[in-house]
């Protein structure tokens, strides 16, 4: 099951990826970077060397704008990824259907 969603493109990622970042970050530093960089965090080694800075995800979104807003809101709920409540955030940002 996927636990994390990139706030830039909406791609799902396994929660355990925060323990296995390319730069060897600790769990909390990886979570903080994921909130900013999205899945760019997991694919940064070469690009970071070229650009000289952390890389933010530039992939095309695979979810709606409302869902991306929900993902971003979930990341703001807590510093701890296990507390990111995507279901709650998606309910808040779900477009009205009539």
PDB file of N, CA and C in Angstrom:
ATOM      1  N   UNK A   1       0.844  -1.188   0.000  1.00  0.00           N
ATOM      2  CA  UNK A   1       0.000   0.000   0.000  1.00  0.00           C
ATOM      3  C   UNK A   1       0.886   1.246   0.000  1.00  0.00           C
ATOM      4  N   UNK A   2       0.503   2.255  -0.734  1.00  0.00           N
ATOM      5  CA  UNK A   2       1.238   3.504  -0.779  1.00  0.00           C
ATOM      6  C   UNK A   2       0.793   4.392   0.374  1.00  0.00           C
ATOM      7  N   UNK A   3       1.761   5.034   0.982  1.00  0.00           N
ATOM      8  CA  UNK A   3       1.471   5.858   2.146  1.00  0.00           C
ATOM      9  C   UNK A   3       1.677   7.348   1.925  1.00  0.00           C
ATOM     10  N   UNK A   4       2.539   7.710   0.994  1.00  0.00           N
ATOM     11  CA  UNK A   4       2.899   9.107   0.775  1.00  0.00           C
ATOM     12  C   UNK A   4       2.529   9.520  -0.645  1.00  0.00           C
ATOM     13  N   UNK A   5       2.162  10.776  -0.801  1.00  0.00           N
ATOM     14  CA  UNK A   5       1.852  11.290  -2.131  1.00  0.00           C
ATOM     15  C   UNK A   5       2.650  12.560  -2.364  1.00  0.00           C
ATOM     16  N   UNK A   6       3.235  12.671  -3.532  1.00  0.00           N
ATOM     17  CA  UNK A   6       3.992  13.859  -3.904  1.00  0.00           C
ATOM     18  C   UNK A   6       3.025  15.035  -4.058  1.00  0.00           C
ATOM     19  N   UNK A   7       3.341  16.142  -3.431  1.00  0.00           N
ATOM     20  CA  UNK A   7       2.479  17.330  -3.498  1.00  0.00           C
ATOM     21  C   UNK A   7       2.590  18.059  -4.834  1.00  0.00           C
ATOM     22  N   UNK A   8       3.547  17.672  -5.660  1.00  0.00           N
ATOM     23  CA  UNK A   8       3.748  18.334  -6.948  1.00  0.00           C
ATOM     24  C   UNK A   8       3.100  17.577  -8.103  1.00  0.00           C
ATOM     25  N   UNK A   9       3.143  16.236  -8.039  1.00  0.00           N
ATOM     26  CA  UNK A   9       2.591  15.447  -9.145  1.00  0.00           C
ATOM     27  C   UNK A   9       1.507  14.465  -8.700  1.00  0.00           C
ATOM     28  N   UNK A  10       1.453  14.166  -7.411  1.00  0.00           N
ATOM     29  CA  UNK A  10       0.441  13.250  -6.897  1.00  0.00           C
ATOM     30  C   UNK A  10       0.828  11.784  -6.926  1.00  0.00           C
ATOM     31  N   UNK A  11       2.035  11.465  -7.393  1.00  0.00           N
ATOM     32  CA  UNK A  11       2.473  10.067  -7.451  1.00  0.00           C
ATOM     33  C   UNK A  11       2.559   9.485  -6.035  1.00  0.00           C
ATOM     34  N   UNK A  12       2.115   8.235  -5.889  1.00  0.00           N
ATOM     35  CA  UNK A  12       2.208   7.569  -4.585  1.00  0.00           C
ATOM     36  C   UNK A  12       3.591   6.953  -4.371  1.00  0.00           C
ATOM     37  N   UNK A  13       4.036   6.962  -3.126  1.00  0.00           N
ATOM     38  CA  UNK A  13       5.326   6.399  -2.734  1.00  0.00           C
ATOM     39  C   UNK A  13       5.167   5.621  -1.442  1.00  0.00           C
ATOM     40  N   UNK A  14       5.972   4.596  -1.277  1.00  0.00           N
ATOM     41  CA  UNK A  14       5.978   3.822  -0.041  1.00  0.00           C
ATOM     42  C   UNK A  14       6.559   4.675   1.090  1.00  0.00           C
ATOM     43  N   UNK A  15       5.953   4.606   2.220  1.00  0.00           N
ATOM     44  CA  UNK A  15       6.411   5.324   3.403  1.00  0.00           C
ATOM     45  C   UNK A  15       7.864   4.977   3.730  1.00  0.00           C
ATOM     46  N   UNK A  16       8.250   3.725   3.516  1.00  0.00           N
ATOM     47  CA  UNK A  16       9.611   3.286   3.836  1.00  0.00           C
ATOM     48  C   UNK A  16      10.680   4.005   3.029  1.00  0.00           C
ATOM     49  N   UNK A  17      10.298   4.638   1.926  1.00  0.00           N
ATOM     50  CA  UNK A  17      11.276   5.368   1.122  1.00  0.00           C
ATOM     51  C   UNK A  17      11.937   6.489   1.923  1.00  0.00           C
ATOM     52  N   UNK A  18      11.269   6.985   2.949  1.00  0.00           N
ATOM     53  CA  UNK A  18      11.860   8.047   3.773  1.00  0.00           C
ATOM     54  C   UNK A  18      13.049   7.531   4.576  1.00  0.00           C
ATOM     55  N   UNK A  19      13.146   6.220   4.713  1.00  0.00           N
ATOM     56  CA  UNK A  19      14.292   5.619   5.409  1.00  0.00           C
ATOM     57  C   UNK A  19      15.429   5.316   4.440  1.00  0.00           C
ATOM     58  N   UNK A  20      15.161   5.438   3.126  1.00  0.00           N
ATOM     59  CA  UNK A  20      16.127   5.006   2.120  1.00  0.00           C
ATOM     60  C   UNK A  20      16.431   6.111   1.110  1.00  0.00           C
ATOM     61  N   UNK A  21      16.546   7.336   1.548  1.00  0.00           N
ATOM     62  CA  UNK A  21      16.779   8.437   0.616  1.00  0.00           C
ATOM     63  C   UNK A  21      18.186   8.371   0.031  1.00  0.00           C
ATOM     64  N   UNK A  22      18.351   8.839  -1.193  1.00  0.00           N
ATOM     65  CA  UNK A  22      19.660   8.788  -1.841  1.00  0.00           C
ATOM     66  C   UNK A  22      20.758   9.534  -1.080  1.00  0.00           C
ATOM     67  N   UNK A  23      20.391  10.587  -0.404  1.00  0.00           N
ATOM     68  CA  UNK A  23      21.395  11.385   0.305  1.00  0.00           C
ATOM     69  C   UNK A  23      21.638  10.884   1.727  1.00  0.00           C
ATOM     70  N   UNK A  24      20.986   9.804   2.126  1.00  0.00           N
ATOM     71  CA  UNK A  24      21.201   9.247   3.449  1.00  0.00           C
ATOM     72  C   UNK A  24      20.669  10.124   4.573  1.00  0.00           C
ATOM     73  N   UNK A  25      19.611  10.869   4.310  1.00  0.00           N
ATOM     74  CA  UNK A  25      19.018  11.718   5.341  1.00  0.00           C
ATOM     75  C   UNK A  25      18.382  10.870   6.428  1.00  0.00           C
ATOM     76  N   UNK A  26      18.296  11.408   7.618  1.00  0.00           N
ATOM     77  CA  UNK A  26      17.527  10.761   8.664  1.00  0.00           C
ATOM     78  C   UNK A  26      16.042  10.859   8.330  1.00  0.00           C
ATOM     79  N   UNK A  27      15.238  10.071   9.017  1.00  0.00           N
ATOM     80  CA  UNK A  27      13.809   9.987   8.724  1.00  0.00           C
ATOM     81  C   UNK A  27      13.114  11.347   8.761  1.00  0.00           C
ATOM     82  N   UNK A  28      13.297  12.120   9.804  1.00  0.00           N
ATOM     83  CA  UNK A  28      12.611  13.407   9.939  1.00  0.00           C
ATOM     84  C   UNK A  28      13.119  14.427   8.921  1.00  0.00           C
ATOM     85  N   UNK A  29      14.410  14.414   8.627  1.00  0.00           N
ATOM     86  CA  UNK A  29      14.946  15.316   7.596  1.00  0.00           C
ATOM     87  C   UNK A  29      14.405  14.928   6.222  1.00  0.00           C
ATOM     88  N   UNK A  30      14.280  13.626   5.984  1.00  0.00           N
ATOM     89  CA  UNK A  30      13.722  13.159   4.711  1.00  0.00           C
ATOM     90  C   UNK A  30      12.256  13.573   4.596  1.00  0.00           C
ATOM     91  N   UNK A  31      11.499  13.474   5.685  1.00  0.00           N
ATOM     92  CA  UNK A  31      10.087  13.880   5.666  1.00  0.00           C
ATOM     93  C   UNK A  31       9.964  15.369   5.378  1.00  0.00           C
ATOM     94  N   UNK A  32      10.803  16.154   6.017  1.00  0.00           N
ATOM     95  CA  UNK A  32      10.788  17.606   5.799  1.00  0.00           C
ATOM     96  C   UNK A  32      11.139  17.927   4.340  1.00  0.00           C
ATOM     97  N   UNK A  33      12.128  17.238   3.789  1.00  0.00           N
ATOM     98  CA  UNK A  33      12.510  17.455   2.389  1.00  0.00           C
ATOM     99  C   UNK A  33      11.422  16.996   1.439  1.00  0.00           C
ATOM    100  N   UNK A  34      10.736  15.885   1.757  1.00  0.00           N
ATOM    101  CA  UNK A  34       9.666  15.376   0.900  1.00  0.00           C
ATOM    102  C   UNK A  34       8.526  16.379   0.798  1.00  0.00           C
ATOM    103  N   UNK A  35       8.234  17.073   1.896  1.00  0.00           N
ATOM    104  CA  UNK A  35       7.172  18.081   1.881  1.00  0.00           C
ATOM    105  C   UNK A  35       7.488  19.190   0.877  1.00  0.00           C
ATOM    106  N   UNK A  36       8.760  19.523   0.723  1.00  0.00           N
ATOM    107  CA  UNK A  36       9.177  20.595  -0.179  1.00  0.00           C
ATOM    108  C   UNK A  36       9.469  20.079  -1.587  1.00  0.00           C
ATOM    109  N   UNK A  37      10.239  19.009  -1.678  1.00  0.00           N
ATOM    110  CA  UNK A  37      10.719  18.508  -2.961  1.00  0.00           C
ATOM    111  C   UNK A  37       9.777  17.504  -3.619  1.00  0.00           C
ATOM    112  N   UNK A  38       8.900  16.896  -2.855  1.00  0.00           N
ATOM    113  CA  UNK A  38       8.083  15.824  -3.396  1.00  0.00           C
ATOM    114  C   UNK A  38       8.960  14.660  -3.795  1.00  0.00           C
ATOM    115  N   UNK A  39       8.559  13.943  -4.844  1.00  0.00           N
ATOM    116  CA  UNK A  39       9.322  12.761  -5.239  1.00  0.00           C
ATOM    117  C   UNK A  39      10.668  13.112  -5.867  1.00  0.00           C
ATOM    118  N   UNK A  40      10.936  14.397  -6.082  1.00  0.00           N
ATOM    119  CA  UNK A  40      12.268  14.808  -6.505  1.00  0.00           C
ATOM    120  C   UNK A  40      13.320  14.383  -5.490  1.00  0.00           C
ATOM    121  N   UNK A  41      12.917  14.242  -4.243  1.00  0.00           N
ATOM    122  CA  UNK A  41      13.823  13.810  -3.179  1.00  0.00           C
ATOM    123  C   UNK A  41      14.446  12.466  -3.498  1.00  0.00           C
ATOM    124  N   UNK A  42      13.685  11.579  -4.125  1.00  0.00           N
ATOM    125  CA  UNK A  42      14.167  10.225  -4.360  1.00  0.00           C
ATOM    126  C   UNK A  42      14.987  10.081  -5.639  1.00  0.00           C
ATOM    127  N   UNK A  43      15.045  11.102  -6.441  1.00  0.00           N
ATOM    128  CA  UNK A  43      15.747  11.028  -7.729  1.00  0.00           C
ATOM    129  C   UNK A  43      16.698  12.201  -7.913  1.00  0.00           C
ATOM    130  N   UNK A  44      17.460  12.527  -6.897  1.00  0.00           N
ATOM    131  CA  UNK A  44      18.181  13.801  -6.945  1.00  0.00           C
ATOM    132  C   UNK A  44      19.682  13.754  -7.137  1.00  0.00           C
ATOM    133  N   UNK A  45      20.321  12.647  -6.979  1.00  0.00           N
ATOM    134  CA  UNK A  45      21.779  12.648  -6.896  1.00  0.00           C
ATOM    135  C   UNK A  45      22.440  13.350  -8.080  1.00  0.00           C
ATOM    136  N   UNK A  46      22.201  12.916  -9.310  1.00  0.00           N
ATOM    137  CA  UNK A  46      22.840  13.533 -10.471  1.00  0.00           C
ATOM    138  C   UNK A  46      22.339  14.952 -10.693  1.00  0.00           C
ATOM    139  N   UNK A  47      21.033  15.163 -10.664  1.00  0.00           N
ATOM    140  CA  UNK A  47      20.456  16.482 -10.900  1.00  0.00           C
ATOM    141  C   UNK A  47      20.954  17.482  -9.858  1.00  0.00           C
ATOM    142  N   UNK A  48      21.061  17.038  -8.603  1.00  0.00           N
ATOM    143  CA  UNK A  48      21.538  17.922  -7.545  1.00  0.00           C
ATOM    144  C   UNK A  48      22.976  18.363  -7.820  1.00  0.00           C
ATOM    145  N   UNK A  49      23.766  17.455  -8.302  1.00  0.00           N
ATOM    146  CA  UNK A  49      25.151  17.805  -8.620  1.00  0.00           C
ATOM    147  C   UNK A  49      25.211  18.816  -9.761  1.00  0.00           C
ATOM    148  N   UNK A  50      24.330  18.657 -10.738  1.00  0.00           N
ATOM    149  CA  UNK A  50      24.310  19.566 -11.884  1.00  0.00           C
ATOM    150  C   UNK A  50      23.809  20.946 -11.466  1.00  0.00           C
ATOM    151  N   UNK A  51      22.694  20.990 -10.748  1.00  0.00           N
ATOM    152  CA  UNK A  51      22.069  22.266 -10.379  1.00  0.00           C
ATOM    153  C   UNK A  51      22.630  22.859  -9.092  1.00  0.00           C
ATOM    154  N   UNK A  52      23.297  22.047  -8.277  1.00  0.00           N
ATOM    155  CA  UNK A  52      23.891  22.538  -7.048  1.00  0.00           C
ATOM    156  C   UNK A  52      22.891  22.830  -5.940  1.00  0.00           C
ATOM    157  N   UNK A  53      21.694  22.285  -6.054  1.00  0.00           N
ATOM    158  CA  UNK A  53      20.671  22.491  -5.025  1.00  0.00           C
ATOM    159  C   UNK A  53      19.683  21.331  -5.062  1.00  0.00           C
ATOM    160  N   UNK A  54      18.894  21.154  -4.010  1.00  0.00           N
ATOM    161  CA  UNK A  54      17.883  20.091  -4.017  1.00  0.00           C
ATOM    162  C   UNK A  54      16.894  20.277  -5.166  1.00  0.00           C
ATOM    163  N   UNK A  55      16.444  19.179  -5.714  1.00  0.00           N
ATOM    164  CA  UNK A  55      15.560  19.202  -6.869  1.00  0.00           C
ATOM    165  C   UNK A  55      14.113  18.994  -6.447  1.00  0.00           C
ATOM    166  N   UNK A  56      13.240  19.868  -6.912  1.00  0.00           N
ATOM    167  CA  UNK A  56      11.801  19.748  -6.674  1.00  0.00           C
ATOM    168  C   UNK A  56      11.197  18.975  -7.841  1.00  0.00           C
ATOM    169  N   UNK A  57      10.222  18.126  -7.548  1.00  0.00           N
ATOM    170  CA  UNK A  57       9.545  17.341  -8.579  1.00  0.00           C
ATOM    171  C   UNK A  57       8.986  18.258  -9.660  1.00  0.00           C
ATOM    172  N   UNK A  58       9.243  17.892 -10.912  1.00  0.00           N
ATOM    173  CA  UNK A  58       8.739  18.654 -12.053  1.00  0.00           C
ATOM    174  C   UNK A  58       7.863  17.793 -12.951  1.00  0.00           C
ATOM    175  N   UNK A  59       7.463  16.624 -12.459  1.00  0.00           N
ATOM    176  CA  UNK A  59       6.649  15.707 -13.253  1.00  0.00           C
ATOM    177  C   UNK A  59       5.247  16.278 -13.452  1.00  0.00           C
ATOM    178  N   UNK A  60       4.628  15.897 -14.539  1.00  0.00           N
ATOM    179  CA  UNK A  60       3.248  16.319 -14.802  1.00  0.00           C
ATOM    180  C   UNK A  60       2.321  15.679 -13.768  1.00  0.00           C
ATOM    181  N   UNK A  61       1.352  16.431 -13.267  1.00  0.00           N
ATOM    182  CA  UNK A  61       0.429  15.875 -12.271  1.00  0.00           C
ATOM    183  C   UNK A  61      -0.360  14.684 -12.808  1.00  0.00           C
ATOM    184  N   UNK A  62      -0.549  13.705 -11.935  1.00  0.00           N
ATOM    185  CA  UNK A  62      -1.340  12.524 -12.288  1.00  0.00           C
ATOM    186  C   UNK A  62      -2.688  12.538 -11.562  1.00  0.00           C
ATOM    187  N   UNK A  63      -2.933  13.612 -10.816  1.00  0.00           N
ATOM    188  CA  UNK A  63      -4.192  13.789 -10.090  1.00  0.00           C
ATOM    189  C   UNK A  63      -4.708  15.202 -10.345  1.00  0.00           C
ATOM    190  N   UNK A  64      -5.926  15.473  -9.904  1.00  0.00           N
ATOM    191  CA  UNK A  64      -6.526  16.789 -10.117  1.00  0.00           C
ATOM    192  C   UNK A  64      -5.874  17.860  -9.244  1.00  0.00           C
ATOM    193  N   UNK A  65      -6.136  19.100  -9.569  1.00  0.00           N
ATOM    194  CA  UNK A  65      -5.636  20.229  -8.783  1.00  0.00           C
ATOM    195  C   UNK A  65      -6.177  20.155  -7.356  1.00  0.00           C
ATOM    196  N   UNK A  66      -7.433  19.763  -7.211  1.00  0.00           N
ATOM    197  CA  UNK A  66      -8.036  19.637  -5.879  1.00  0.00           C
ATOM    198  C   UNK A  66      -7.301  18.570  -5.065  1.00  0.00           C
ATOM    199  N   UNK A  67      -6.958  17.467  -5.709  1.00  0.00           N
ATOM    200  CA  UNK A  67      -6.232  16.416  -4.994  1.00  0.00           C
ATOM    201  C   UNK A  67      -4.834  16.878  -4.609  1.00  0.00           C
ATOM    202  N   UNK A  68      -4.168  17.633  -5.475  1.00  0.00           N
ATOM    203  CA  UNK A  68      -2.857  18.175  -5.127  1.00  0.00           C
ATOM    204  C   UNK A  68      -2.967  19.123  -3.937  1.00  0.00           C
ATOM    205  N   UNK A  69      -4.030  19.910  -3.893  1.00  0.00           N
ATOM    206  CA  UNK A  69      -4.255  20.800  -2.751  1.00  0.00           C
ATOM    207  C   UNK A  69      -4.462  19.985  -1.481  1.00  0.00           C
ATOM    208  N   UNK A  70      -5.186  18.889  -1.601  1.00  0.00           N
ATOM    209  CA  UNK A  70      -5.408  18.004  -0.453  1.00  0.00           C
ATOM    210  C   UNK A  70      -4.118  17.373   0.038  1.00  0.00           C
ATOM    211  N   UNK A  71      -3.276  16.965  -0.894  1.00  0.00           N
ATOM    212  CA  UNK A  71      -1.986  16.378  -0.522  1.00  0.00           C
ATOM    213  C   UNK A  71      -1.137  17.403   0.215  1.00  0.00           C
ATOM    214  N   UNK A  72      -1.073  18.618  -0.311  1.00  0.00           N
ATOM    215  CA  UNK A  72      -0.305  19.686   0.351  1.00  0.00           C
ATOM    216  C   UNK A  72      -0.859  19.977   1.738  1.00  0.00           C
ATOM    217  N   UNK A  73      -2.182  19.997   1.859  1.00  0.00           N
ATOM    218  CA  UNK A  73      -2.813  20.242   3.163  1.00  0.00           C
ATOM    219  C   UNK A  73      -2.472  19.133   4.145  1.00  0.00           C
ATOM    220  N   UNK A  74      -2.481  17.900   3.678  1.00  0.00           N
ATOM    221  CA  UNK A  74      -2.144  16.775   4.555  1.00  0.00           C
ATOM    222  C   UNK A  74      -0.721  16.909   5.082  1.00  0.00           C
ATOM    223  N   UNK A  75       0.192  17.384   4.243  1.00  0.00           N
ATOM    224  CA  UNK A  75       1.580  17.552   4.669  1.00  0.00           C
ATOM    225  C   UNK A  75       1.712  18.649   5.721  1.00  0.00           C
ATOM    226  N   UNK A  76       0.802  19.603   5.697  1.00  0.00           N
ATOM    227  CA  UNK A  76       0.858  20.687   6.672  1.00  0.00           C
ATOM    228  C   UNK A  76       0.247  20.298   8.026  1.00  0.00           C
ATOM    229  N   UNK A  77      -0.485  19.194   8.066  1.00  0.00           N
ATOM    230  CA  UNK A  77      -1.132  18.763   9.303  1.00  0.00           C
ATOM    231  C   UNK A  77      -0.132  18.408  10.391  1.00  0.00           C
ATOM    232  N   UNK A  78       1.024  17.899   9.999  1.00  0.00           N
ATOM    233  CA  UNK A  78       1.985  17.422  10.984  1.00  0.00           C
ATOM    234  C   UNK A  78       3.369  17.332  10.358  1.00  0.00           C
ATOM    235  N   UNK A  79       4.388  17.357  11.191  1.00  0.00           N
ATOM    236  CA  UNK A  79       5.753  17.122  10.723  1.00  0.00           C
ATOM    237  C   UNK A  79       6.017  15.630  10.552  1.00  0.00           C
ATOM    238  N   UNK A  80       5.155  14.783  11.137  1.00  0.00           N
ATOM    239  CA  UNK A  80       5.339  13.338  11.129  1.00  0.00           C
ATOM    240  C   UNK A  80       4.512  12.688  10.024  1.00  0.00           C
ATOM    241  N   UNK A  81       5.153  12.077   9.039  1.00  0.00           N
ATOM    242  CA  UNK A  81       4.432  11.495   7.903  1.00  0.00           C
ATOM    243  C   UNK A  81       3.346  10.499   8.282  1.00  0.00           C
ATOM    244  N   UNK A  82       3.540   9.762   9.358  1.00  0.00           N
ATOM    245  CA  UNK A  82       2.515   8.798   9.758  1.00  0.00           C
ATOM    246  C   UNK A  82       1.234   9.483  10.236  1.00  0.00           C
ATOM    247  N   UNK A  83       1.280  10.786  10.430  1.00  0.00           N
ATOM    248  CA  UNK A  83       0.099  11.552  10.827  1.00  0.00           C
ATOM    249  C   UNK A  83      -0.524  12.323   9.664  1.00  0.00           C
ATOM    250  N   UNK A  84       0.042  12.188   8.465  1.00  0.00           N
ATOM    251  CA  UNK A  84      -0.521  12.877   7.310  1.00  0.00           C
ATOM    252  C   UNK A  84      -1.813  12.169   6.916  1.00  0.00           C
ATOM    253  N   UNK A  85      -2.916  12.797   7.164  1.00  0.00           N
ATOM    254  CA  UNK A  85      -4.232  12.191   6.929  1.00  0.00           C
ATOM    255  C   UNK A  85      -4.741  12.591   5.552  1.00  0.00           C
ATOM    256  N   UNK A  86      -4.393  11.804   4.548  1.00  0.00           N
ATOM    257  CA  UNK A  86      -4.785  12.112   3.174  1.00  0.00           C
ATOM    258  C   UNK A  86      -6.292  11.994   2.979  1.00  0.00           C
ATOM    259  N   UNK A  87      -6.916  11.030   3.641  1.00  0.00           N
ATOM    260  CA  UNK A  87      -8.366  10.869   3.488  1.00  0.00           C
ATOM    261  C   UNK A  87      -9.098  12.126   3.948  1.00  0.00           C
ATOM    262  N   UNK A  88      -8.699  12.664   5.095  1.00  0.00           N
ATOM    263  CA  UNK A  88      -9.316  13.895   5.598  1.00  0.00           C
ATOM    264  C   UNK A  88      -9.066  15.046   4.626  1.00  0.00           C
ATOM    265  N   UNK A  89      -7.839  15.186   4.179  1.00  0.00           N
ATOM    266  CA  UNK A  89      -7.499  16.282   3.271  1.00  0.00           C
ATOM    267  C   UNK A  89      -8.254  16.161   1.947  1.00  0.00           C
ATOM    268  N   UNK A  90      -8.381  14.948   1.422  1.00  0.00           N
ATOM    269  CA  UNK A  90      -9.106  14.756   0.164  1.00  0.00           C
ATOM    270  C   UNK A  90     -10.574  15.100   0.328  1.00  0.00           C
ATOM    271  N   UNK A  91     -11.146  14.789   1.490  1.00  0.00           N
ATOM    272  CA  UNK A  91     -12.550  15.125   1.731  1.00  0.00           C
ATOM    273  C   UNK A  91     -12.760  16.635   1.743  1.00  0.00           C
ATOM    274  N   UNK A  92     -11.820  17.333   2.325  1.00  0.00           N
ATOM    275  CA  UNK A  92     -11.923  18.795   2.407  1.00  0.00           C
ATOM    276  C   UNK A  92     -11.818  19.432   1.026  1.00  0.00           C
ATOM    277  N   UNK A  93     -10.922  18.928   0.188  1.00  0.00           N
ATOM    278  CA  UNK A  93     -10.671  19.550  -1.106  1.00  0.00           C
ATOM    279  C   UNK A  93     -11.411  18.879  -2.262  1.00  0.00           C
ATOM    280  N   UNK A  94     -12.241  17.901  -1.975  1.00  0.00           N
ATOM    281  CA  UNK A  94     -12.986  17.212  -3.025  1.00  0.00           C
ATOM    282  C   UNK A  94     -13.967  18.192  -3.658  1.00  0.00           C
ATOM    283  N   UNK A  95     -13.917  18.308  -4.977  1.00  0.00           N
ATOM    284  CA  UNK A  95     -14.864  19.212  -5.634  1.00  0.00           C
ATOM    285  C   UNK A  95     -16.312  18.735  -5.441  1.00  0.00           C
ATOM    286  N   UNK A  96     -17.177  19.674  -5.326  1.00  0.00           N
ATOM    287  CA  UNK A  96     -18.604  19.347  -5.196  1.00  0.00           C
ATOM    288  C   UNK A  96     -19.096  18.646  -6.458  1.00  0.00           C
ATOM    289  N   UNK A  97     -19.830  17.582  -6.271  1.00  0.00           N
ATOM    290  CA  UNK A  97     -20.439  16.888  -7.413  1.00  0.00           C
ATOM    291  C   UNK A  97     -21.938  16.982  -7.280  1.00  0.00           C
ATOM    292  N   UNK A  98     -22.601  17.345  -8.363  1.00  0.00           N
ATOM    293  CA  UNK A  98     -24.051  17.501  -8.325  1.00  0.00           C
ATOM    294  C   UNK A  98     -24.677  16.743  -9.448  1.00  0.00           C
TER     295      UNK A  98
END
